[in-house]
Amino acid sequence: MAMVGLVSGNLRYVTELGNLVERDGFTPVFDHTAHFEITNVSLIDAMLASAAIPVFFRPIAIHDDLYVDAGIREVILHDVPRGARQRHLPPRLPERGRGV
């Protein structure tokens, strides 16, 4: 789930395992004061942060930052590598009134 830190200004993701990673999707986010990777992020908190639109929903605190919906600052699909962004379109149906 994508979110933007209000303090850091960084786009970050929470993986399905609850790990907080940088925008590349692989580099772990470190807590520099405690010197450890930020893991065990609640998926509920990640979901709430990913949907937190300022003025409507409050930012969600995850470790030392407040997170909001990444769409506030970033266009996510623009950053997705082309190989990962394959289009899966349903088969085209014939128009009404025309035979197949």
N, C-alpha and C. Protein backbone atom coordinates (compact mmCIF):
# COMPACT_ATOMS: atom_id res chain seq x y z
N MET A 1 0.83 -1.16 0.00
CA MET A 1 0.00 0.00 0.00
C MET A 1 0.89 1.24 0.00
N ALA A 2 0.56 2.18 -0.84
CA ALA A 2 1.39 3.37 -1.01
C ALA A 2 0.91 4.50 -0.10
N MET A 3 1.89 5.23 0.41
CA MET A 3 1.59 6.37 1.27
C MET A 3 2.76 7.34 1.23
N VAL A 4 2.49 8.59 1.62
CA VAL A 4 3.53 9.62 1.65
C VAL A 4 3.68 10.10 3.08
N GLY A 5 4.94 10.19 3.54
CA GLY A 5 5.22 10.71 4.87
C GLY A 5 5.15 12.23 4.87
N LEU A 6 4.37 12.80 5.77
CA LEU A 6 4.25 14.26 5.83
C LEU A 6 5.52 14.90 6.37
N VAL A 7 6.21 14.22 7.27
CA VAL A 7 7.45 14.77 7.84
C VAL A 7 8.60 14.62 6.86
N SER A 8 8.77 13.40 6.32
CA SER A 8 9.90 13.12 5.43
C SER A 8 9.62 13.56 3.99
N GLY A 9 8.35 13.54 3.57
CA GLY A 9 8.01 13.84 2.19
C GLY A 9 8.27 12.69 1.24
N ASN A 10 8.61 11.51 1.78
CA ASN A 10 8.96 10.36 0.96
C ASN A 10 7.77 9.47 0.67
N LEU A 11 7.71 8.98 -0.58
CA LEU A 11 6.75 7.95 -0.95
C LEU A 11 7.28 6.62 -0.43
N ARG A 12 6.44 5.89 0.29
CA ARG A 12 6.84 4.60 0.84
C ARG A 12 5.70 3.62 0.69
N TYR A 13 6.03 2.34 0.79
CA TYR A 13 5.05 1.28 0.68
C TYR A 13 5.11 0.39 1.91
N VAL A 14 3.97 -0.18 2.27
CA VAL A 14 3.94 -1.24 3.27
C VAL A 14 3.61 -2.52 2.51
N THR A 15 4.47 -3.53 2.68
CA THR A 15 4.27 -4.79 1.98
C THR A 15 3.23 -5.64 2.69
N GLU A 16 2.87 -6.74 2.05
CA GLU A 16 1.89 -7.65 2.65
C GLU A 16 2.40 -8.28 3.94
N LEU A 17 3.71 -8.24 4.16
CA LEU A 17 4.30 -8.77 5.39
C LEU A 17 4.42 -7.71 6.48
N GLY A 18 4.03 -6.47 6.18
CA GLY A 18 4.09 -5.40 7.16
C GLY A 18 5.42 -4.69 7.22
N ASN A 19 6.24 -4.84 6.18
CA ASN A 19 7.52 -4.14 6.12
C ASN A 19 7.34 -2.80 5.43
N LEU A 20 7.96 -1.76 5.98
CA LEU A 20 7.93 -0.44 5.37
C LEU A 20 9.14 -0.32 4.46
N VAL A 21 8.89 -0.06 3.15
CA VAL A 21 9.98 0.00 2.18
C VAL A 21 9.92 1.32 1.42
N GLU A 22 11.07 1.69 0.84
CA GLU A 22 11.17 2.94 0.08
C GLU A 22 10.44 2.80 -1.25
N ARG A 23 10.42 3.87 -2.03
CA ARG A 23 9.64 3.91 -3.27
C ARG A 23 10.07 2.89 -4.30
N ASP A 24 11.28 2.33 -4.20
CA ASP A 24 11.69 1.30 -5.15
C ASP A 24 11.03 -0.04 -4.87
N GLY A 25 10.39 -0.17 -3.70
CA GLY A 25 9.68 -1.39 -3.35
C GLY A 25 10.54 -2.46 -2.71
N PHE A 26 11.84 -2.21 -2.58
CA PHE A 26 12.75 -3.22 -2.03
C PHE A 26 13.56 -2.73 -0.84
N THR A 27 14.02 -1.49 -0.88
CA THR A 27 14.90 -0.95 0.16
C THR A 27 14.12 -0.72 1.44
N PRO A 28 14.52 -1.39 2.53
CA PRO A 28 13.80 -1.20 3.79
C PRO A 28 14.02 0.20 4.36
N VAL A 29 13.01 0.69 5.05
CA VAL A 29 13.11 1.98 5.75
C VAL A 29 13.70 1.70 7.12
N PHE A 30 14.71 2.47 7.49
CA PHE A 30 15.37 2.29 8.78
C PHE A 30 14.96 3.36 9.77
N ASP A 31 14.80 2.95 11.02
CA ASP A 31 14.63 3.89 12.12
C ASP A 31 16.05 4.24 12.55
N HIS A 32 16.48 5.45 12.21
CA HIS A 32 17.88 5.82 12.44
C HIS A 32 18.22 6.05 13.90
N THR A 33 17.23 6.31 14.73
CA THR A 33 17.53 6.48 16.16
C THR A 33 17.72 5.13 16.84
N ALA A 34 16.96 4.12 16.45
CA ALA A 34 17.07 2.80 17.06
C ALA A 34 17.92 1.84 16.23
N HIS A 35 18.28 2.23 14.99
CA HIS A 35 19.12 1.44 14.10
C HIS A 35 18.52 0.07 13.75
N PHE A 36 17.27 0.07 13.32
CA PHE A 36 16.66 -1.18 12.86
C PHE A 36 15.67 -0.90 11.74
N GLU A 37 15.38 -1.96 10.95
CA GLU A 37 14.40 -1.83 9.89
C GLU A 37 13.01 -1.71 10.50
N ILE A 38 12.15 -0.93 9.87
CA ILE A 38 10.79 -0.79 10.35
C ILE A 38 9.96 -1.93 9.77
N THR A 39 9.59 -2.85 10.63
CA THR A 39 8.79 -4.01 10.25
C THR A 39 7.58 -4.08 11.18
N ASN A 40 6.76 -5.05 10.95
CA ASN A 40 5.57 -5.27 11.78
C ASN A 40 4.63 -4.07 11.80
N VAL A 41 4.52 -3.38 10.67
CA VAL A 41 3.55 -2.30 10.56
C VAL A 41 2.17 -2.94 10.43
N SER A 42 1.24 -2.49 11.21
CA SER A 42 -0.11 -3.01 11.15
C SER A 42 -0.70 -2.76 9.76
N LEU A 43 -1.23 -3.81 9.13
CA LEU A 43 -1.83 -3.65 7.82
C LEU A 43 -3.07 -2.75 7.87
N ILE A 44 -3.74 -2.74 9.02
CA ILE A 44 -4.88 -1.83 9.20
C ILE A 44 -4.39 -0.38 9.18
N ASP A 45 -3.30 -0.09 9.90
CA ASP A 45 -2.73 1.26 9.88
C ASP A 45 -2.27 1.64 8.48
N ALA A 46 -1.66 0.68 7.77
CA ALA A 46 -1.20 0.96 6.40
C ALA A 46 -2.37 1.27 5.49
N MET A 47 -3.45 0.51 5.62
CA MET A 47 -4.64 0.75 4.80
C MET A 47 -5.25 2.11 5.12
N LEU A 48 -5.34 2.44 6.41
CA LEU A 48 -5.88 3.74 6.80
C LEU A 48 -5.01 4.90 6.30
N ALA A 49 -3.69 4.72 6.38
CA ALA A 49 -2.77 5.76 5.90
C ALA A 49 -2.89 5.91 4.39
N SER A 50 -3.01 4.79 3.68
CA SER A 50 -3.11 4.82 2.23
C SER A 50 -4.38 5.51 1.76
N ALA A 51 -5.39 5.55 2.61
CA ALA A 51 -6.67 6.18 2.25
C ALA A 51 -6.88 7.53 2.95
N ALA A 52 -5.89 7.98 3.72
CA ALA A 52 -6.03 9.21 4.50
C ALA A 52 -5.86 10.44 3.61
N ILE A 53 -6.96 11.03 3.25
CA ILE A 53 -6.94 12.25 2.45
C ILE A 53 -7.07 13.42 3.43
N PRO A 54 -6.05 14.30 3.47
CA PRO A 54 -6.11 15.42 4.42
C PRO A 54 -7.43 16.19 4.29
N VAL A 55 -7.90 16.71 5.37
CA VAL A 55 -9.14 17.44 5.56
C VAL A 55 -10.29 16.46 5.81
N PHE A 56 -10.27 15.29 5.17
CA PHE A 56 -11.34 14.31 5.37
C PHE A 56 -10.97 13.25 6.41
N PHE A 57 -9.72 12.78 6.37
CA PHE A 57 -9.25 11.75 7.30
C PHE A 57 -7.91 12.17 7.87
N ARG A 58 -7.70 11.92 9.15
CA ARG A 58 -6.46 12.34 9.80
C ARG A 58 -5.28 11.47 9.33
N PRO A 59 -4.07 12.03 9.31
CA PRO A 59 -2.89 11.25 8.98
C PRO A 59 -2.68 10.15 10.02
N ILE A 60 -2.03 9.08 9.61
CA ILE A 60 -1.79 7.94 10.48
C ILE A 60 -0.30 7.91 10.87
N ALA A 61 -0.04 7.83 12.17
CA ALA A 61 1.34 7.77 12.66
C ALA A 61 1.88 6.34 12.53
N ILE A 62 2.98 6.22 11.82
CA ILE A 62 3.71 4.95 11.73
C ILE A 62 5.15 5.27 12.07
N HIS A 63 5.59 4.78 13.19
CA HIS A 63 6.91 5.07 13.76
C HIS A 63 7.09 6.58 13.92
N ASP A 64 8.05 7.19 13.23
CA ASP A 64 8.35 8.60 13.48
C ASP A 64 7.81 9.55 12.41
N ASP A 65 6.81 9.11 11.65
CA ASP A 65 6.27 9.95 10.59
C ASP A 65 4.75 9.84 10.55
N LEU A 66 4.11 10.83 9.96
CA LEU A 66 2.67 10.81 9.74
C LEU A 66 2.44 10.54 8.25
N TYR A 67 1.57 9.57 7.94
CA TYR A 67 1.37 9.17 6.55
C TYR A 67 -0.04 9.46 6.07
N VAL A 68 -0.12 9.83 4.76
CA VAL A 68 -1.39 10.09 4.10
C VAL A 68 -1.37 9.38 2.74
N ASP A 69 -2.51 9.44 2.07
CA ASP A 69 -2.66 8.85 0.74
C ASP A 69 -1.57 9.35 -0.19
N ALA A 70 -0.91 8.42 -0.88
CA ALA A 70 0.20 8.79 -1.77
C ALA A 70 -0.26 9.63 -2.95
N GLY A 71 -1.52 9.53 -3.33
CA GLY A 71 -2.03 10.31 -4.45
C GLY A 71 -2.05 11.80 -4.19
N ILE A 72 -1.88 12.20 -2.93
CA ILE A 72 -1.82 13.61 -2.59
C ILE A 72 -0.60 14.26 -3.23
N ARG A 73 0.48 13.51 -3.30
CA ARG A 73 1.75 14.08 -3.78
C ARG A 73 2.30 13.38 -5.02
N GLU A 74 1.96 12.14 -5.24
CA GLU A 74 2.57 11.34 -6.29
C GLU A 74 1.53 10.78 -7.26
N VAL A 75 1.95 10.58 -8.50
CA VAL A 75 1.15 9.83 -9.45
C VAL A 75 1.80 8.45 -9.51
N ILE A 76 1.22 7.50 -8.79
CA ILE A 76 1.85 6.19 -8.58
C ILE A 76 2.09 5.45 -9.88
N LEU A 77 1.10 5.34 -10.76
CA LEU A 77 1.27 4.56 -11.97
C LEU A 77 2.37 5.10 -12.87
N HIS A 78 2.68 6.37 -12.74
CA HIS A 78 3.75 6.95 -13.53
C HIS A 78 5.10 6.38 -13.12
N ASP A 79 5.24 5.95 -11.86
CA ASP A 79 6.49 5.43 -11.35
C ASP A 79 6.64 3.92 -11.52
N VAL A 80 5.59 3.23 -11.90
CA VAL A 80 5.65 1.77 -12.04
C VAL A 80 6.45 1.44 -13.29
N PRO A 81 7.44 0.54 -13.19
CA PRO A 81 8.22 0.17 -14.37
C PRO A 81 7.32 -0.40 -15.46
N ARG A 82 7.68 -0.17 -16.70
CA ARG A 82 6.83 -0.62 -17.81
C ARG A 82 6.59 -2.11 -17.81
N GLY A 83 7.57 -2.90 -17.44
CA GLY A 83 7.40 -4.35 -17.42
C GLY A 83 6.37 -4.81 -16.41
N ALA A 84 6.19 -4.04 -15.35
CA ALA A 84 5.25 -4.42 -14.30
C ALA A 84 3.85 -3.91 -14.59
N ARG A 85 3.72 -3.06 -15.59
CA ARG A 85 2.43 -2.44 -15.87
C ARG A 85 1.85 -3.00 -17.16
N GLN A 86 1.48 -4.25 -17.14
CA GLN A 86 0.90 -4.88 -18.32
C GLN A 86 -0.60 -4.66 -18.31
N ARG A 87 -1.13 -4.39 -19.47
CA ARG A 87 -2.56 -4.16 -19.57
C ARG A 87 -3.27 -5.49 -19.77
N HIS A 88 -4.26 -5.74 -18.97
CA HIS A 88 -5.07 -6.93 -19.09
C HIS A 88 -6.49 -6.48 -19.40
N LEU A 89 -6.84 -6.52 -20.68
CA LEU A 89 -8.15 -6.08 -21.09
C LEU A 89 -9.06 -7.28 -21.32
N PRO A 90 -10.32 -7.15 -21.00
CA PRO A 90 -11.24 -8.24 -21.27
C PRO A 90 -11.42 -8.40 -22.77
N PRO A 91 -11.83 -9.58 -23.23
CA PRO A 91 -12.03 -9.75 -24.67
C PRO A 91 -13.12 -8.80 -25.15
N ARG A 92 -12.95 -8.31 -26.34
CA ARG A 92 -13.93 -7.35 -26.88
C ARG A 92 -15.18 -8.09 -27.33
N LEU A 93 -16.30 -7.60 -26.87
CA LEU A 93 -17.58 -8.19 -27.24
C LEU A 93 -18.10 -7.51 -28.51
N PRO A 94 -18.82 -8.28 -29.36
CA PRO A 94 -19.39 -7.65 -30.56
C PRO A 94 -20.40 -6.60 -30.17
N GLU A 95 -20.49 -5.55 -30.99
CA GLU A 95 -21.46 -4.50 -30.71
C GLU A 95 -22.86 -5.04 -30.93
N ARG A 96 -23.79 -4.47 -30.25
CA ARG A 96 -25.19 -4.89 -30.32
C ARG A 96 -25.73 -4.68 -31.74
N GLY A 97 -26.41 -5.69 -32.24
CA GLY A 97 -27.00 -5.60 -33.57
C GLY A 97 -26.09 -6.09 -34.68
N ARG A 98 -24.84 -6.38 -34.35
CA ARG A 98 -23.90 -6.88 -35.36
C ARG A 98 -23.62 -8.35 -35.07
N GLY A 99 -23.58 -9.12 -36.08
CA GLY A 99 -23.25 -10.54 -35.92
C GLY A 99 -21.77 -10.75 -35.72
N VAL A 100 -21.44 -11.94 -35.29
CA VAL A 100 -20.03 -12.24 -35.05
C VAL A 100 -19.39 -12.80 -36.29
